[in-house]
């Protein structure tokens, strides 16, 4: 299993690098191999291999020799058609549709335009499959995701790829604002938000920034050697930081239910439930929010008594008052 995951990771990395290389070559200029290697953070040998791969795919890449020579796409040539197998076509349709669920300004309209353009260059059989999938799919958008502009994402992504320091205004959760100078590592999209793990130069420590709180982002042009984060996988780093900062509430409650029934209704681990007698039991559990613990107890649909924590009792009292007012006929 690990071998398969490693192979997929390598394939994904190579495909992404080829797309970045092709994007650079589409600029009307010649690119020295050393500059391409620096931009892509690979060796010159890897650049040569990637150039050969693009040529195999039909892209007319020319190489000019000499001290000012380099690589460029041949002008006036038709680019190769978009050739996709069934799985690739479905993957594109799904990916574009799911993109509308991310809080990026204008993403829904742009996604529909992109999907229409892709469909135009597909064979009729695959075009029908993509159209069918697009028509039958509705992305689920959850609340709470503040919108970010594609321009900000592009500036940050450019700094990440180029290895440049980035400066921006930032509004902290407590409302304080200020300028930050960072070395960006990656962009992470999670739970309807975008995050930027980065090394904060002035604080001499790693931080995670919410992109919707970033303002006036600008690349400094100052390139720095790549800095190794505490956890190399950016998504795992963001997740671990969230868990380390989130409070964990330990619940102890008595339920007027047989232990086996409490396990079934709560979906609890049997080790969390201790029988008192045939009609009652003690449940122990934990969660990052008291709201989740309160909802879990109420969904058990039985009499219960909370022993801890006090935050859970307070939350239930608040819900009880609101529920009582909602049920009052007067």
Protein backbone atom coordinates (compact mmCIF):
# COMPACT_ATOMS: atom_id res chain seq x y z
CA UNK A 1 0.00 0.00 0.00
CA UNK A 2 2.80 2.40 0.85
CA UNK A 3 4.43 1.69 -2.51
CA UNK A 4 1.22 2.55 -4.37
CA UNK A 5 0.82 5.79 -2.42
CA UNK A 6 4.43 6.72 -3.13
CA UNK A 7 3.95 6.09 -6.86
CA UNK A 8 0.81 8.25 -6.95
CA UNK A 9 2.63 11.02 -5.11
CA UNK A 10 5.49 10.96 -7.61
CA UNK A 11 3.06 10.99 -10.56
CA UNK A 12 1.15 13.94 -9.07
CA UNK A 13 4.38 15.86 -8.44
CA UNK A 14 5.65 15.21 -11.97
CA UNK A 15 2.34 16.22 -13.60
CA UNK A 16 2.18 19.43 -11.59
CA UNK A 17 5.78 20.28 -12.50
CA UNK A 18 5.11 19.68 -16.21
CA UNK A 19 2.16 22.06 -16.05
CA UNK A 20 4.26 24.73 -14.35
CA UNK A 21 7.03 24.23 -16.93
CA UNK A 22 4.55 24.53 -19.79
CA UNK A 23 3.12 27.68 -18.23
CA UNK A 24 6.59 29.26 -18.10
CA UNK A 25 7.38 28.28 -21.68
CA UNK A 26 4.18 29.93 -22.89
CA UNK A 27 5.67 33.29 -21.93
CA UNK A 28 7.08 34.89 -25.11
CA UNK A 29 10.77 34.64 -24.20
CA UNK A 30 13.59 32.09 -24.02
CA UNK A 31 14.22 30.39 -20.70
CA UNK A 32 17.78 29.29 -19.81
CA UNK A 33 17.84 25.80 -18.34
CA UNK A 34 19.37 27.07 -15.11
CA UNK A 35 16.57 29.59 -14.58
CA UNK A 36 13.91 26.95 -15.25
CA UNK A 37 15.62 24.62 -12.76
CA UNK A 38 15.66 27.39 -10.17
CA UNK A 39 11.99 28.28 -10.75
CA UNK A 40 10.89 24.65 -10.52
CA UNK A 41 13.34 23.78 -7.72
CA UNK A 42 14.75 20.80 -9.59
CA UNK A 43 18.04 19.92 -11.25
CA UNK A 44 18.93 20.90 -14.83
CA UNK A 45 18.86 17.21 -15.70
CA UNK A 46 15.23 17.00 -14.52
CA UNK A 47 14.40 20.04 -16.64
CA UNK A 48 15.88 18.33 -19.71
CA UNK A 49 13.85 15.20 -19.01
CA UNK A 50 10.67 17.25 -18.59
CA UNK A 51 11.36 19.09 -21.87
CA UNK A 52 11.70 15.72 -23.61
CA UNK A 53 8.43 14.61 -22.03
CA UNK A 54 6.61 17.71 -23.34
CA UNK A 55 7.99 17.03 -26.81
CA UNK A 56 6.70 13.44 -26.60
CA UNK A 57 3.28 14.85 -25.77
CA UNK A 58 3.41 17.00 -28.92
CA UNK A 59 4.42 20.40 -27.55
CA UNK A 60 6.88 22.16 -29.95
CA UNK A 61 9.66 23.08 -27.51
CA UNK A 62 12.78 24.50 -29.18
CA UNK A 63 16.25 24.75 -27.67
CA UNK A 64 18.61 27.57 -28.69
CA UNK A 65 22.33 27.12 -28.05
CA UNK A 66 24.82 29.73 -26.95
CA UNK A 67 25.38 31.97 -23.93
CA UNK A 68 21.94 33.55 -24.22
CA UNK A 69 20.17 30.46 -25.47
CA UNK A 70 17.38 28.60 -23.78
CA UNK A 71 14.04 26.89 -24.27
CA UNK A 72 10.88 28.30 -25.81
CA UNK A 73 7.69 27.15 -27.50
CA UNK A 74 7.85 27.44 -31.28
CA UNK A 75 5.65 30.33 -32.46
CA UNK A 76 2.89 29.89 -35.02
CA UNK A 77 2.41 26.18 -34.34
CA UNK A 78 -0.90 24.61 -33.40
CA UNK A 79 -0.84 23.12 -29.94
CA UNK A 80 -1.72 19.43 -29.58
CA UNK A 81 -5.36 18.59 -28.83
CA UNK A 82 -6.51 17.77 -25.33
CA UNK A 83 -6.42 13.97 -25.16
CA UNK A 84 -8.13 12.41 -22.16
CA UNK A 85 -9.21 8.89 -21.34
CA UNK A 86 -12.52 8.22 -19.60
CA UNK A 87 -11.11 8.40 -16.07
CA UNK A 88 -9.23 11.64 -16.79
CA UNK A 89 -12.34 13.27 -18.23
CA UNK A 90 -14.40 12.30 -15.19
CA UNK A 91 -11.62 13.50 -12.88
CA UNK A 92 -11.62 16.93 -14.54
CA UNK A 93 -15.41 17.24 -14.34
CA UNK A 94 -15.43 16.23 -10.66
CA UNK A 95 -12.50 18.50 -9.83
CA UNK A 96 -14.05 21.56 -11.47
CA UNK A 97 -17.42 20.89 -9.85
CA UNK A 98 -15.87 20.48 -6.40
CA UNK A 99 -13.96 23.73 -6.89
CA UNK A 100 -17.25 25.61 -6.59
CA UNK A 101 -17.42 24.48 -2.96
CA UNK A 102 -14.33 26.50 -2.06
CA UNK A 103 -14.78 30.11 -0.91
CA UNK A 104 -12.90 31.81 -3.74
CA UNK A 105 -14.46 34.96 -5.17
CA UNK A 106 -16.00 34.26 -8.59
CA UNK A 107 -15.04 30.57 -8.51
CA UNK A 108 -18.47 29.23 -9.43
CA UNK A 109 -18.81 31.26 -12.64
CA UNK A 110 -15.17 30.60 -13.56
CA UNK A 111 -15.64 26.87 -12.96
CA UNK A 112 -18.62 26.73 -15.27
CA UNK A 113 -16.66 28.57 -17.99
CA UNK A 114 -13.71 26.20 -17.55
CA UNK A 115 -15.94 23.15 -17.73
CA UNK A 116 -17.54 24.45 -20.93
CA UNK A 117 -14.12 25.03 -22.53
CA UNK A 118 -12.90 21.56 -21.59
CA UNK A 119 -16.07 20.00 -22.99
CA UNK A 120 -15.55 21.74 -26.36
CA UNK A 121 -12.30 19.89 -27.07
CA UNK A 122 -13.46 16.46 -25.94
CA UNK A 123 -14.74 13.73 -28.24
CA UNK A 124 -18.55 13.56 -28.27
CA UNK A 125 -18.64 10.36 -26.20
CA UNK A 126 -16.59 11.86 -23.37
CA UNK A 127 -18.31 15.23 -23.69
CA UNK A 128 -21.63 13.52 -23.00
CA UNK A 129 -20.19 11.81 -19.91
CA UNK A 130 -18.80 15.09 -18.57
CA UNK A 131 -22.07 16.96 -19.29
CA UNK A 132 -24.09 14.23 -17.60
CA UNK A 133 -21.88 14.22 -14.52
CA UNK A 134 -21.91 18.01 -14.32
CA UNK A 135 -25.70 18.20 -14.61
CA UNK A 136 -26.26 15.51 -11.99
CA UNK A 137 -23.80 16.90 -9.42
CA UNK A 138 -24.55 19.61 -6.89
CA UNK A 139 -21.64 20.68 -4.66
CA UNK A 140 -22.56 21.00 -1.00
CA UNK A 141 -21.47 24.36 0.38
CA UNK A 142 -21.33 24.65 4.16
CA UNK A 143 -21.46 27.96 5.97
CA UNK A 144 -18.54 29.60 7.70
CA UNK A 145 -16.10 29.89 4.83
CA UNK A 146 -15.03 33.48 4.30
CA UNK A 147 -14.32 34.31 0.67
CA UNK A 148 -10.80 34.94 -0.60
CA UNK A 149 -9.82 36.60 -3.86
CA UNK A 150 -8.09 34.62 -6.61
CA UNK A 151 -5.56 37.46 -6.88
CA UNK A 152 -4.41 36.93 -3.28
CA UNK A 153 -4.16 33.19 -3.84
CA UNK A 154 -2.13 33.79 -7.00
CA UNK A 155 0.32 36.13 -5.23
CA UNK A 156 0.82 33.66 -2.39
CA UNK A 157 1.19 30.70 -4.76
CA UNK A 158 3.74 32.62 -6.82
CA UNK A 159 5.81 33.35 -3.73
CA UNK A 160 5.63 29.70 -2.66
CA UNK A 161 6.83 28.41 -6.03
CA UNK A 162 9.56 31.06 -6.39
CA UNK A 163 10.79 30.63 -2.82
CA UNK A 164 10.26 34.35 -2.11
CA UNK A 165 9.46 36.08 1.12
CA UNK A 166 5.97 37.48 1.30
CA UNK A 167 4.69 40.60 3.08
CA UNK A 168 1.04 41.23 3.92
CA UNK A 169 -1.39 42.82 6.35
CA UNK A 170 -3.05 40.38 8.74
CA UNK A 171 -6.04 40.55 11.10
CA UNK A 172 -5.67 38.16 14.04
CA UNK A 173 -8.61 36.35 15.62
CA UNK A 174 -8.66 38.92 18.46
CA UNK A 175 -9.03 41.78 15.97
CA UNK A 176 -5.45 43.07 16.10
CA UNK A 177 -3.94 44.02 12.76
CA UNK A 178 -0.37 44.38 11.59
CA UNK A 179 2.12 43.65 8.84
CA UNK A 180 3.78 40.25 8.56
CA UNK A 181 6.94 39.16 6.77
CA UNK A 182 6.93 35.41 6.12
CA UNK A 183 8.51 32.61 4.16
CA UNK A 184 5.43 30.82 2.71
CA UNK A 185 5.48 27.03 2.56
CA UNK A 186 2.23 25.83 0.96
CA UNK A 187 -1.44 26.71 0.54
CA UNK A 188 -3.88 24.33 2.23
CA UNK A 189 -7.63 24.22 1.47
CA UNK A 190 -9.63 22.65 4.30
CA UNK A 191 -13.12 22.92 5.75
CA UNK A 192 -14.23 25.79 3.49
CA UNK A 193 -11.17 27.85 4.36
CA UNK A 194 -7.71 28.48 2.92
CA UNK A 195 -4.64 28.37 5.17
CA UNK A 196 -1.03 29.40 4.71
CA UNK A 197 1.62 27.58 6.78
CA UNK A 198 4.62 29.91 6.81
CA UNK A 199 7.70 30.83 8.80
CA UNK A 200 7.16 34.22 10.44
CA UNK A 201 10.51 35.99 10.07
CA UNK A 202 9.97 38.61 12.78
CA UNK A 203 8.60 36.09 15.30
CA UNK A 204 11.20 33.47 14.40
CA UNK A 205 8.61 30.71 14.44
CA UNK A 206 6.17 28.82 12.24
CA UNK A 207 2.63 30.16 12.01
CA UNK A 208 -0.59 29.23 10.22
CA UNK A 209 -2.45 32.15 8.62
CA UNK A 210 -6.04 32.20 7.42
CA UNK A 211 -5.93 33.54 3.87
CA UNK A 212 -9.27 35.37 4.20
CA UNK A 213 -7.60 37.51 6.90
CA UNK A 214 -4.68 38.43 4.63
CA UNK A 215 -4.71 41.84 2.97
CA UNK A 216 -2.39 43.60 0.53
CA UNK A 217 -0.18 40.57 -0.10
CA UNK A 218 3.00 41.35 -2.04
CA UNK A 219 6.02 39.33 -3.09
CA UNK A 220 9.24 40.95 -1.89
CA UNK A 221 11.53 39.56 -4.60
CA UNK A 222 13.85 38.27 -1.85
CA UNK A 223 14.54 34.58 -2.41
CA UNK A 224 15.56 32.39 0.50
CA UNK A 225 16.63 28.75 0.80
CA UNK A 226 13.73 26.37 1.50
CA UNK A 227 13.05 26.07 5.24
CA UNK A 228 11.97 22.70 6.63
CA UNK A 229 8.68 22.93 8.60
CA UNK A 230 8.07 20.89 11.79
CA UNK A 231 5.93 18.50 9.71
CA UNK A 232 6.80 18.25 6.02
CA UNK A 233 3.26 17.42 4.89
CA UNK A 234 1.51 20.82 4.86
CA UNK A 235 -2.01 19.44 5.39
CA UNK A 236 -0.85 17.29 8.30
CA UNK A 237 0.98 20.29 9.78
CA UNK A 238 -2.18 22.42 9.67
CA UNK A 239 -4.27 19.62 11.17
CA UNK A 240 -1.81 18.91 13.97
CA UNK A 241 -1.60 22.60 14.87
CA UNK A 242 -5.39 22.85 15.06
CA UNK A 243 -5.60 19.84 17.35
CA UNK A 244 -2.82 21.16 19.57
CA UNK A 245 -4.63 24.49 20.00
CA UNK A 246 -8.18 23.17 20.37
CA UNK A 247 -9.47 22.63 23.91
CA UNK A 248 -10.47 19.07 24.73
CA UNK A 249 -13.47 18.68 27.03
CA UNK A 250 -13.79 15.52 29.11
CA UNK A 251 -17.41 14.49 29.74
CA UNK A 252 -18.79 12.35 32.57
CA UNK A 253 -22.54 11.75 32.58
CA UNK A 254 -25.08 9.27 33.94
CA UNK A 255 -27.67 8.06 31.44
CA UNK A 256 -30.95 6.33 32.31
CA UNK A 257 -30.31 3.66 29.72
CA UNK A 258 -28.93 0.12 29.75
CA UNK A 259 -25.24 0.18 28.86
CA UNK A 260 -25.73 -1.70 25.58
CA UNK A 261 -28.48 0.68 24.48
CA UNK A 262 -26.33 3.72 25.35
CA UNK A 263 -23.53 2.34 23.18
CA UNK A 264 -25.98 1.91 20.30
CA UNK A 265 -27.65 5.33 20.55
CA UNK A 266 -24.45 7.29 21.10
CA UNK A 267 -22.35 5.29 18.66
CA UNK A 268 -19.90 5.10 21.55
CA UNK A 269 -16.93 2.89 22.14
CA UNK A 270 -18.08 0.21 24.66
CA UNK A 271 -15.03 1.13 26.73
CA UNK A 272 -16.60 4.58 27.28
CA UNK A 273 -19.72 3.12 28.90
CA UNK A 274 -19.87 1.52 32.37
CA UNK A 275 -23.08 -0.17 33.57
CA UNK A 276 -24.48 0.91 36.96
CA UNK A 277 -27.44 -1.46 36.87
CA UNK A 278 -29.84 -2.84 34.26
CA UNK A 279 -31.38 0.58 33.56
CA UNK A 280 -28.54 3.10 33.88
CA UNK A 281 -24.88 3.63 33.05
CA UNK A 282 -22.00 6.13 33.22
CA UNK A 283 -20.66 7.51 29.96
CA UNK A 284 -17.22 9.08 29.62
CA UNK A 285 -16.04 10.80 26.47
CA UNK A 286 -14.21 13.80 25.08
CA UNK A 287 -14.54 16.29 22.23
CA UNK A 288 -13.07 19.58 21.05
CA UNK A 289 -16.37 21.43 21.60
CA UNK A 290 -19.05 21.29 24.29
CA UNK A 291 -21.65 21.75 21.55
CA UNK A 292 -20.81 18.33 20.16
CA UNK A 293 -21.00 16.71 23.60
CA UNK A 294 -24.36 18.40 24.32
CA UNK A 295 -25.83 17.32 20.98
CA UNK A 296 -24.58 13.79 21.53
CA UNK A 297 -26.34 13.54 24.90
CA UNK A 298 -29.60 15.01 23.63
CA UNK A 299 -29.66 12.63 20.67
CA UNK A 300 -29.57 9.73 23.13
CA UNK A 301 -33.22 10.68 23.89
CA UNK A 302 -33.22 9.71 27.57
CA UNK A 303 -32.92 11.22 31.04
CA UNK A 304 -29.34 12.05 31.97
CA UNK A 305 -27.23 13.93 34.51
CA UNK A 306 -23.97 15.68 33.62
CA UNK A 307 -21.19 15.52 36.23
CA UNK A 308 -18.49 17.29 34.19
CA UNK A 309 -17.44 19.60 32.65
CA UNK A 310 -19.14 22.76 33.91
CA UNK A 311 -19.01 24.24 30.38
CA UNK A 312 -21.23 21.40 29.18
CA UNK A 313 -23.79 21.99 31.94
CA UNK A 314 -23.83 25.70 31.10
CA UNK A 315 -24.36 24.97 27.41
CA UNK A 316 -27.26 22.62 28.15
CA UNK A 317 -28.88 25.22 30.43
CA UNK A 318 -28.70 27.77 27.63
CA UNK A 319 -30.20 25.38 25.12
CA UNK A 320 -32.94 24.45 27.59
CA UNK A 321 -33.99 28.08 28.04
CA UNK A 322 -34.09 28.68 24.30
CA UNK A 323 -36.00 25.43 23.70
CA UNK A 324 -38.49 26.35 26.41
CA UNK A 325 -39.18 29.75 24.87
CA UNK A 326 -39.59 28.19 21.44
CA UNK A 327 -42.09 25.65 22.80
CA UNK A 328 -44.07 28.23 24.83
CA UNK A 329 -47.51 28.71 23.30
CA UNK A 330 -47.91 32.17 24.80
